[in-house]
Amino acid sequence: MYQESKKAGKKAVAVAKAVHCDDLSDKLETRDGERHLYRPAKARHHQAEDIEKLLGINDENGHLMTNRKRAMKRWHDSPCSTVMKPEHV
């Protein structure tokens, strides 16, 4: 029973891939085909760029914190840099 359902699943996936490839080849033969050609590469490139940005904040000893939760807590607890300092008179 498992083997039969596995074969049926593989067959369904193969049919879906074949249909997709046929549609894609038809699109590539059209005038706007170049746009369809570069779209997956462009998406793959943007997906690679979406890596989470490094949160750069130092702890009390000046070491870079890599734990995001601790860094956010440190950032939240640190004094605001916009606090006005009293002028020397």
PDB file of N, CA and C in Angstrom:
ATOM      1  N   MET A   1       0.823  -1.187   0.000  1.00  0.00           N
ATOM      2  CA  MET A   1       0.000   0.000   0.000  1.00  0.00           C
ATOM      3  C   MET A   1       0.875   1.261   0.000  1.00  0.00           C
ATOM      4  N   TYR A   2       1.916   1.262   0.842  1.00  0.00           N
ATOM      5  CA  TYR A   2       2.815   2.412   0.896  1.00  0.00           C
ATOM      6  C   TYR A   2       3.539   2.589  -0.437  1.00  0.00           C
ATOM      7  N   GLN A   3       4.015   1.497  -0.998  1.00  0.00           N
ATOM      8  CA  GLN A   3       4.751   1.551  -2.264  1.00  0.00           C
ATOM      9  C   GLN A   3       3.871   2.100  -3.388  1.00  0.00           C
ATOM     10  N   GLU A   4       2.614   1.682  -3.396  1.00  0.00           N
ATOM     11  CA  GLU A   4       1.695   2.148  -4.439  1.00  0.00           C
ATOM     12  C   GLU A   4       1.433   3.649  -4.318  1.00  0.00           C
ATOM     13  N   SER A   5       1.224   4.102  -3.087  1.00  0.00           N
ATOM     14  CA  SER A   5       0.965   5.532  -2.897  1.00  0.00           C
ATOM     15  C   SER A   5       2.230   6.349  -3.186  1.00  0.00           C
ATOM     16  N   LYS A   6       3.395   5.772  -2.881  1.00  0.00           N
ATOM     17  CA  LYS A   6       4.655   6.453  -3.171  1.00  0.00           C
ATOM     18  C   LYS A   6       4.836   6.617  -4.682  1.00  0.00           C
ATOM     19  N   LYS A   7       4.543   5.549  -5.436  1.00  0.00           N
ATOM     20  CA  LYS A   7       4.641   5.611  -6.897  1.00  0.00           C
ATOM     21  C   LYS A   7       3.654   6.625  -7.469  1.00  0.00           C
ATOM     22  N   ALA A   8       2.436   6.613  -6.926  1.00  0.00           N
ATOM     23  CA  ALA A   8       1.421   7.557  -7.403  1.00  0.00           C
ATOM     24  C   ALA A   8       1.851   9.000  -7.124  1.00  0.00           C
ATOM     25  N   GLY A   9       2.436   9.221  -5.952  1.00  0.00           N
ATOM     26  CA  GLY A   9       2.913  10.561  -5.603  1.00  0.00           C
ATOM     27  C   GLY A   9       4.036  11.011  -6.519  1.00  0.00           C
ATOM     28  N   LYS A  10       4.981  10.108  -6.789  1.00  0.00           N
ATOM     29  CA  LYS A  10       6.083  10.448  -7.685  1.00  0.00           C
ATOM     30  C   LYS A  10       5.577  10.749  -9.088  1.00  0.00           C
ATOM     31  N   LYS A  11       4.594   9.975  -9.519  1.00  0.00           N
ATOM     32  CA  LYS A  11       4.034  10.178 -10.851  1.00  0.00           C
ATOM     33  C   LYS A  11       3.335  11.537 -10.932  1.00  0.00           C
ATOM     34  N   ALA A  12       2.600  11.895  -9.878  1.00  0.00           N
ATOM     35  CA  ALA A  12       1.901  13.181  -9.861  1.00  0.00           C
ATOM     36  C   ALA A  12       2.898  14.340  -9.881  1.00  0.00           C
ATOM     37  N   VAL A  13       3.984  14.201  -9.133  1.00  0.00           N
ATOM     38  CA  VAL A  13       5.006  15.248  -9.112  1.00  0.00           C
ATOM     39  C   VAL A  13       5.665  15.367 -10.483  1.00  0.00           C
ATOM     40  N   ALA A  14       5.952  14.227 -11.114  1.00  0.00           N
ATOM     41  CA  ALA A  14       6.572  14.248 -12.440  1.00  0.00           C
ATOM     42  C   ALA A  14       5.663  14.920 -13.465  1.00  0.00           C
ATOM     43  N   VAL A  15       4.367  14.633 -13.391  1.00  0.00           N
ATOM     44  CA  VAL A  15       3.415  15.256 -14.318  1.00  0.00           C
ATOM     45  C   VAL A  15       3.361  16.763 -14.080  1.00  0.00           C
ATOM     46  N   ALA A  16       3.325  17.168 -12.812  1.00  0.00           N
ATOM     47  CA  ALA A  16       3.270  18.598 -12.496  1.00  0.00           C
ATOM     48  C   ALA A  16       4.534  19.310 -12.981  1.00  0.00           C
ATOM     49  N   LYS A  17       5.707  18.676 -12.796  1.00  0.00           N
ATOM     50  CA  LYS A  17       6.955  19.268 -13.271  1.00  0.00           C
ATOM     51  C   LYS A  17       6.952  19.402 -14.787  1.00  0.00           C
ATOM     52  N   ALA A  18       6.471  18.363 -15.467  1.00  0.00           N
ATOM     53  CA  ALA A  18       6.438  18.389 -16.933  1.00  0.00           C
ATOM     54  C   ALA A  18       5.527  19.505 -17.433  1.00  0.00           C
ATOM     55  N   VAL A  19       4.370  19.648 -16.810  1.00  0.00           N
ATOM     56  CA  VAL A  19       3.438  20.714 -17.204  1.00  0.00           C
ATOM     57  C   VAL A  19       4.068  22.081 -16.968  1.00  0.00           C
ATOM     58  N   HIS A  20       4.723  22.235 -15.818  1.00  0.00           N
ATOM     59  CA  HIS A  20       5.367  23.510 -15.501  1.00  0.00           C
ATOM     60  C   HIS A  20       6.473  23.822 -16.512  1.00  0.00           C
ATOM     61  N   CYS A  21       7.287  22.826 -16.839  1.00  0.00           N
ATOM     62  CA  CYS A  21       8.373  23.037 -17.802  1.00  0.00           C
ATOM     63  C   CYS A  21       7.824  23.382 -19.183  1.00  0.00           C
ATOM     64  N   ASP A  22       6.737  22.731 -19.584  1.00  0.00           N
ATOM     65  CA  ASP A  22       6.121  23.050 -20.873  1.00  0.00           C
ATOM     66  C   ASP A  22       5.600  24.485 -20.892  1.00  0.00           C
ATOM     67  N   ASP A  23       4.942  24.883 -19.813  1.00  0.00           N
ATOM     68  CA  ASP A  23       4.436  26.255 -19.728  1.00  0.00           C
ATOM     69  C   ASP A  23       5.584  27.264 -19.760  1.00  0.00           C
ATOM     70  N   LEU A  24       6.647  26.940 -19.031  1.00  0.00           N
ATOM     71  CA  LEU A  24       7.794  27.839 -18.981  1.00  0.00           C
ATOM     72  C   LEU A  24       8.467  27.949 -20.346  1.00  0.00           C
ATOM     73  N   SER A  25       8.605  26.839 -21.039  1.00  0.00           N
ATOM     74  CA  SER A  25       9.227  26.895 -22.368  1.00  0.00           C
ATOM     75  C   SER A  25       8.345  27.672 -23.344  1.00  0.00           C
ATOM     76  N   ASP A  26       7.028  27.543 -23.209  1.00  0.00           N
ATOM     77  CA  ASP A  26       6.128  28.333 -24.056  1.00  0.00           C
ATOM     78  C   ASP A  26       6.274  29.829 -23.768  1.00  0.00           C
ATOM     79  N   LYS A  27       6.415  30.173 -22.487  1.00  0.00           N
ATOM     80  CA  LYS A  27       6.579  31.576 -22.116  1.00  0.00           C
ATOM     81  C   LYS A  27       7.913  32.119 -22.624  1.00  0.00           C
ATOM     82  N   LEU A  28       8.961  31.282 -22.582  1.00  0.00           N
ATOM     83  CA  LEU A  28      10.275  31.741 -23.024  1.00  0.00           C
ATOM     84  C   LEU A  28      10.314  31.996 -24.525  1.00  0.00           C
ATOM     85  N   GLU A  29       9.468  31.335 -25.271  1.00  0.00           N
ATOM     86  CA  GLU A  29       9.438  31.525 -26.718  1.00  0.00           C
ATOM     87  C   GLU A  29       8.693  32.790 -27.126  1.00  0.00           C
ATOM     88  N   THR A  30       7.979  33.401 -26.201  1.00  0.00           N
ATOM     89  CA  THR A  30       7.242  34.620 -26.522  1.00  0.00           C
ATOM     90  C   THR A  30       8.180  35.821 -26.516  1.00  0.00           C
ATOM     91  N   ARG A  31       7.627  36.964 -26.808  1.00  0.00           N
ATOM     92  CA  ARG A  31       8.415  38.189 -26.882  1.00  0.00           C
ATOM     93  C   ARG A  31       8.939  38.607 -25.502  1.00  0.00           C
ATOM     94  N   ASP A  32       8.156  38.370 -24.462  1.00  0.00           N
ATOM     95  CA  ASP A  32       8.561  38.723 -23.095  1.00  0.00           C
ATOM     96  C   ASP A  32       9.305  37.583 -22.413  1.00  0.00           C
ATOM     97  N   GLY A  33       9.826  36.660 -23.172  1.00  0.00           N
ATOM     98  CA  GLY A  33      10.468  35.478 -22.605  1.00  0.00           C
ATOM     99  C   GLY A  33      11.686  35.783 -21.764  1.00  0.00           C
ATOM    100  N   GLU A  34      12.426  36.811 -22.138  1.00  0.00           N
ATOM    101  CA  GLU A  34      13.635  37.146 -21.391  1.00  0.00           C
ATOM    102  C   GLU A  34      13.300  37.533 -19.957  1.00  0.00           C
ATOM    103  N   ARG A  35      12.197  38.216 -19.789  1.00  0.00           N
ATOM    104  CA  ARG A  35      11.762  38.612 -18.440  1.00  0.00           C
ATOM    105  C   ARG A  35      11.481  37.375 -17.588  1.00  0.00           C
ATOM    106  N   HIS A  36      10.845  36.368 -18.194  1.00  0.00           N
ATOM    107  CA  HIS A  36      10.551  35.137 -17.464  1.00  0.00           C
ATOM    108  C   HIS A  36      11.812  34.325 -17.203  1.00  0.00           C
ATOM    109  N   LEU A  37      12.815  34.503 -18.036  1.00  0.00           N
ATOM    110  CA  LEU A  37      14.060  33.766 -17.865  1.00  0.00           C
ATOM    111  C   LEU A  37      14.827  34.268 -16.652  1.00  0.00           C
ATOM    112  N   TYR A  38      14.877  35.585 -16.475  1.00  0.00           N
ATOM    113  CA  TYR A  38      15.678  36.157 -15.404  1.00  0.00           C
ATOM    114  C   TYR A  38      14.927  36.283 -14.087  1.00  0.00           C
ATOM    115  N   ARG A  39      13.632  36.090 -14.081  1.00  0.00           N
ATOM    116  CA  ARG A  39      12.856  36.244 -12.852  1.00  0.00           C
ATOM    117  C   ARG A  39      13.290  35.271 -11.747  1.00  0.00           C
ATOM    118  N   PRO A  40      13.468  33.960 -12.018  1.00  0.00           N
ATOM    119  CA  PRO A  40      13.904  33.056 -10.940  1.00  0.00           C
ATOM    120  C   PRO A  40      15.294  33.394 -10.413  1.00  0.00           C
ATOM    121  N   ALA A  41      16.190  33.801 -11.304  1.00  0.00           N
ATOM    122  CA  ALA A  41      17.531  34.172 -10.859  1.00  0.00           C
ATOM    123  C   ALA A  41      17.482  35.419  -9.988  1.00  0.00           C
ATOM    124  N   LYS A  42      16.648  36.359 -10.374  1.00  0.00           N
ATOM    125  CA  LYS A  42      16.501  37.590  -9.603  1.00  0.00           C
ATOM    126  C   LYS A  42      15.908  37.290  -8.224  1.00  0.00           C
ATOM    127  N   ALA A  43      14.905  36.420  -8.188  1.00  0.00           N
ATOM    128  CA  ALA A  43      14.286  36.053  -6.908  1.00  0.00           C
ATOM    129  C   ALA A  43      15.288  35.332  -6.013  1.00  0.00           C
ATOM    130  N   ARG A  44      16.088  34.455  -6.601  1.00  0.00           N
ATOM    131  CA  ARG A  44      17.097  33.734  -5.829  1.00  0.00           C
ATOM    132  C   ARG A  44      18.128  34.703  -5.270  1.00  0.00           C
ATOM    133  N   HIS A  45      18.491  35.704  -6.061  1.00  0.00           N
ATOM    134  CA  HIS A  45      19.458  36.702  -5.615  1.00  0.00           C
ATOM    135  C   HIS A  45      18.896  37.521  -4.452  1.00  0.00           C
ATOM    136  N   HIS A  46      17.641  37.958  -4.575  1.00  0.00           N
ATOM    137  CA  HIS A  46      17.018  38.741  -3.505  1.00  0.00           C
ATOM    138  C   HIS A  46      16.820  37.901  -2.253  1.00  0.00           C
ATOM    139  N   GLN A  47      16.542  36.622  -2.425  1.00  0.00           N
ATOM    140  CA  GLN A  47      16.352  35.750  -1.276  1.00  0.00           C
ATOM    141  C   GLN A  47      17.663  35.607  -0.505  1.00  0.00           C
ATOM    142  N   ALA A  48      18.770  35.576  -1.207  1.00  0.00           N
ATOM    143  CA  ALA A  48      20.066  35.475  -0.547  1.00  0.00           C
ATOM    144  C   ALA A  48      20.405  36.765   0.186  1.00  0.00           C
ATOM    145  N   GLU A  49      19.905  37.896  -0.284  1.00  0.00           N
ATOM    146  CA  GLU A  49      20.174  39.177   0.365  1.00  0.00           C
ATOM    147  C   GLU A  49      19.323  39.397   1.605  1.00  0.00           C
ATOM    148  N   ASP A  50      18.259  38.644   1.772  1.00  0.00           N
ATOM    149  CA  ASP A  50      17.336  38.861   2.874  1.00  0.00           C
ATOM    150  C   ASP A  50      17.836  38.294   4.197  1.00  0.00           C
ATOM    151  N   ILE A  51      19.108  37.992   4.289  1.00  0.00           N
ATOM    152  CA  ILE A  51      19.663  37.484   5.540  1.00  0.00           C
ATOM    153  C   ILE A  51      19.534  38.584   6.590  1.00  0.00           C
ATOM    154  N   GLU A  52      19.183  38.179   7.788  1.00  0.00           N
ATOM    155  CA  GLU A  52      18.944  39.144   8.854  1.00  0.00           C
ATOM    156  C   GLU A  52      20.186  39.984   9.107  1.00  0.00           C
ATOM    157  N   LYS A  53      19.989  41.255   9.246  1.00  0.00           N
ATOM    158  CA  LYS A  53      21.098  42.174   9.459  1.00  0.00           C
ATOM    159  C   LYS A  53      21.698  41.954  10.844  1.00  0.00           C
ATOM    160  N   LEU A  54      22.990  42.170  10.951  1.00  0.00           N
ATOM    161  CA  LEU A  54      23.696  42.002  12.211  1.00  0.00           C
ATOM    162  C   LEU A  54      23.354  43.167  13.123  1.00  0.00           C
ATOM    163  N   LEU A  55      22.993  42.841  14.335  1.00  0.00           N
ATOM    164  CA  LEU A  55      22.677  43.863  15.319  1.00  0.00           C
ATOM    165  C   LEU A  55      23.967  44.174  16.066  1.00  0.00           C
ATOM    166  N   GLY A  56      24.552  45.310  15.839  1.00  0.00           N
ATOM    167  CA  GLY A  56      25.841  45.642  16.436  1.00  0.00           C
ATOM    168  C   GLY A  56      25.690  46.514  17.660  1.00  0.00           C
ATOM    169  N   ILE A  57      25.775  45.909  18.823  1.00  0.00           N
ATOM    170  CA  ILE A  57      25.742  46.658  20.075  1.00  0.00           C
ATOM    171  C   ILE A  57      26.740  45.995  21.018  1.00  0.00           C
ATOM    172  N   ASN A  58      27.457  46.795  21.767  1.00  0.00           N
ATOM    173  CA  ASN A  58      28.485  46.274  22.661  1.00  0.00           C
ATOM    174  C   ASN A  58      27.946  46.149  24.079  1.00  0.00           C
ATOM    175  N   ASP A  59      28.509  45.192  24.831  1.00  0.00           N
ATOM    176  CA  ASP A  59      28.113  45.032  26.227  1.00  0.00           C
ATOM    177  C   ASP A  59      28.912  46.008  27.092  1.00  0.00           C
ATOM    178  N   GLU A  60      28.819  45.848  28.411  1.00  0.00           N
ATOM    179  CA  GLU A  60      29.485  46.762  29.341  1.00  0.00           C
ATOM    180  C   GLU A  60      30.998  46.754  29.171  1.00  0.00           C
ATOM    181  N   ASN A  61      31.563  45.620  28.743  1.00  0.00           N
ATOM    182  CA  ASN A  61      33.014  45.496  28.590  1.00  0.00           C
ATOM    183  C   ASN A  61      33.488  45.884  27.191  1.00  0.00           C
ATOM    184  N   GLY A  62      32.592  46.267  26.332  1.00  0.00           N
ATOM    185  CA  GLY A  62      32.958  46.684  24.988  1.00  0.00           C
ATOM    186  C   GLY A  62      33.003  45.563  23.972  1.00  0.00           C
ATOM    187  N   HIS A  63      32.560  44.354  24.352  1.00  0.00           N
ATOM    188  CA  HIS A  63      32.549  43.222  23.423  1.00  0.00           C
ATOM    189  C   HIS A  63      31.235  43.212  22.650  1.00  0.00           C
ATOM    190  N   LEU A  64      31.325  42.813  21.390  1.00  0.00           N
ATOM    191  CA  LEU A  64      30.144  42.762  20.539  1.00  0.00           C
ATOM    192  C   LEU A  64      29.204  41.667  21.017  1.00  0.00           C
ATOM    193  N   MET A  65      27.931  42.018  21.189  1.00  0.00           N
ATOM    194  CA  MET A  65      26.938  41.044  21.631  1.00  0.00           C
ATOM    195  C   MET A  65      26.348  40.363  20.405  1.00  0.00           C
ATOM    196  N   THR A  66      26.312  39.036  20.428  1.00  0.00           N
ATOM    197  CA  THR A  66      25.764  38.287  19.302  1.00  0.00           C
ATOM    198  C   THR A  66      24.392  37.720  19.617  1.00  0.00           C
ATOM    199  N   ASN A  67      24.033  37.615  20.884  1.00  0.00           N
ATOM    200  CA  ASN A  67      22.714  37.128  21.265  1.00  0.00           C
ATOM    201  C   ASN A  67      21.712  38.256  21.042  1.00  0.00           C
ATOM    202  N   ARG A  68      20.775  38.036  20.145  1.00  0.00           N
ATOM    203  CA  ARG A  68      19.843  39.100  19.757  1.00  0.00           C
ATOM    204  C   ARG A  68      18.980  39.566  20.927  1.00  0.00           C
ATOM    205  N   LYS A  69      18.501  38.634  21.752  1.00  0.00           N
ATOM    206  CA  LYS A  69      17.638  39.025  22.874  1.00  0.00           C
ATOM    207  C   LYS A  69      18.402  39.881  23.881  1.00  0.00           C
ATOM    208  N   ARG A  70      19.627  39.475  24.201  1.00  0.00           N
ATOM    209  CA  ARG A  70      20.422  40.256  25.149  1.00  0.00           C
ATOM    210  C   ARG A  70      20.773  41.623  24.564  1.00  0.00           C
ATOM    211  N   ALA A  71      21.063  41.655  23.275  1.00  0.00           N
ATOM    212  CA  ALA A  71      21.400  42.923  22.630  1.00  0.00           C
ATOM    213  C   ALA A  71      20.203  43.868  22.654  1.00  0.00           C
ATOM    214  N   MET A  72      19.014  43.338  22.395  1.00  0.00           N
ATOM    215  CA  MET A  72      17.821  44.182  22.429  1.00  0.00           C
ATOM    216  C   MET A  72      17.558  44.693  23.842  1.00  0.00           C
ATOM    217  N   LYS A  73      17.785  43.841  24.847  1.00  0.00           N
ATOM    218  CA  LYS A  73      17.603  44.274  26.234  1.00  0.00           C
ATOM    219  C   LYS A  73      18.617  45.361  26.584  1.00  0.00           C
ATOM    220  N   ARG A  74      19.862  45.162  26.162  1.00  0.00           N
ATOM    221  CA  ARG A  74      20.911  46.150  26.421  1.00  0.00           C
ATOM    222  C   ARG A  74      20.564  47.467  25.724  1.00  0.00           C
ATOM    223  N   TRP A  75      20.095  47.385  24.502  1.00  0.00           N
ATOM    224  CA  TRP A  75      19.737  48.585  23.760  1.00  0.00           C
ATOM    225  C   TRP A  75      18.563  49.291  24.432  1.00  0.00           C
ATOM    226  N   HIS A  76      17.597  48.508  24.922  1.00  0.00           N
ATOM    227  CA  HIS A  76      16.417  49.079  25.568  1.00  0.00           C
ATOM    228  C   HIS A  76      16.785  49.741  26.892  1.00  0.00           C
ATOM    229  N   ASP A  77      17.714  49.133  27.633  1.00  0.00           N
ATOM    230  CA  ASP A  77      18.077  49.643  28.950  1.00  0.00           C
ATOM    231  C   ASP A  77      19.117  50.756  28.900  1.00  0.00           C
ATOM    232  N   SER A  78      19.779  50.935  27.766  1.00  0.00           N
ATOM    233  CA  SER A  78      20.832  51.948  27.695  1.00  0.00           C
ATOM    234  C   SER A  78      20.207  53.344  27.695  1.00  0.00           C
ATOM    235  N   PRO A  79      20.919  54.319  28.236  1.00  0.00           N
ATOM    236  CA  PRO A  79      20.366  55.674  28.269  1.00  0.00           C
ATOM    237  C   PRO A  79      20.263  56.239  26.856  1.00  0.00           C
ATOM    238  N   CYS A  80      19.274  57.035  26.667  1.00  0.00           N
ATOM    239  CA  CYS A  80      19.017  57.624  25.352  1.00  0.00           C
ATOM    240  C   CYS A  80      20.075  58.677  25.042  1.00  0.00           C
ATOM    241  N   SER A  81      20.555  58.695  23.822  1.00  0.00           N
ATOM    242  CA  SER A  81      21.609  59.634  23.449  1.00  0.00           C
ATOM    243  C   SER A  81      21.074  61.041  23.205  1.00  0.00           C
ATOM    244  N   THR A  82      19.774  61.216  23.241  1.00  0.00           N
ATOM    245  CA  THR A  82      19.207  62.540  22.992  1.00  0.00           C
ATOM    246  C   THR A  82      18.952  63.309  24.284  1.00  0.00           C
ATOM    247  N   VAL A  83      19.401  62.769  25.419  1.00  0.00           N
ATOM    248  CA  VAL A  83      19.215  63.453  26.694  1.00  0.00           C
ATOM    249  C   VAL A  83      20.098  64.695  26.704  1.00  0.00           C
ATOM    250  N   MET A  84      19.518  65.813  27.063  1.00  0.00           N
ATOM    251  CA  MET A  84      20.257  67.070  27.091  1.00  0.00           C
ATOM    252  C   MET A  84      21.172  67.098  28.309  1.00  0.00           C
ATOM    253  N   LYS A  85      22.422  67.448  28.080  1.00  0.00           N
ATOM    254  CA  LYS A  85      23.378  67.567  29.177  1.00  0.00           C
ATOM    255  C   LYS A  85      23.400  69.018  29.642  1.00  0.00           C
ATOM    256  N   PRO A  86      23.559  69.217  30.951  1.00  0.00           N
ATOM    257  CA  PRO A  86      23.592  70.604  31.437  1.00  0.00           C
ATOM    258  C   PRO A  86      24.841  71.318  30.915  1.00  0.00           C
ATOM    259  N   GLU A  87      24.658  72.567  30.553  1.00  0.00           N
ATOM    260  CA  GLU A  87      25.774  73.349  30.031  1.00  0.00           C
ATOM    261  C   GLU A  87      26.656  73.811  31.181  1.00  0.00           C
ATOM    262  N   HIS A  88      27.949  73.890  30.883  1.00  0.00           N
ATOM    263  CA  HIS A  88      28.892  74.369  31.902  1.00  0.00           C
ATOM    264  C   HIS A  88      28.840  75.890  31.943  1.00  0.00           C
ATOM    265  N   VAL A  89      28.619  76.422  33.128  1.00  0.00           N
ATOM    266  CA  VAL A  89      28.494  77.874  33.271  1.00  0.00           C
ATOM    267  C   VAL A  89      29.652  78.428  34.016  1.00  0.00           C
TER     268      VAL A  89
END
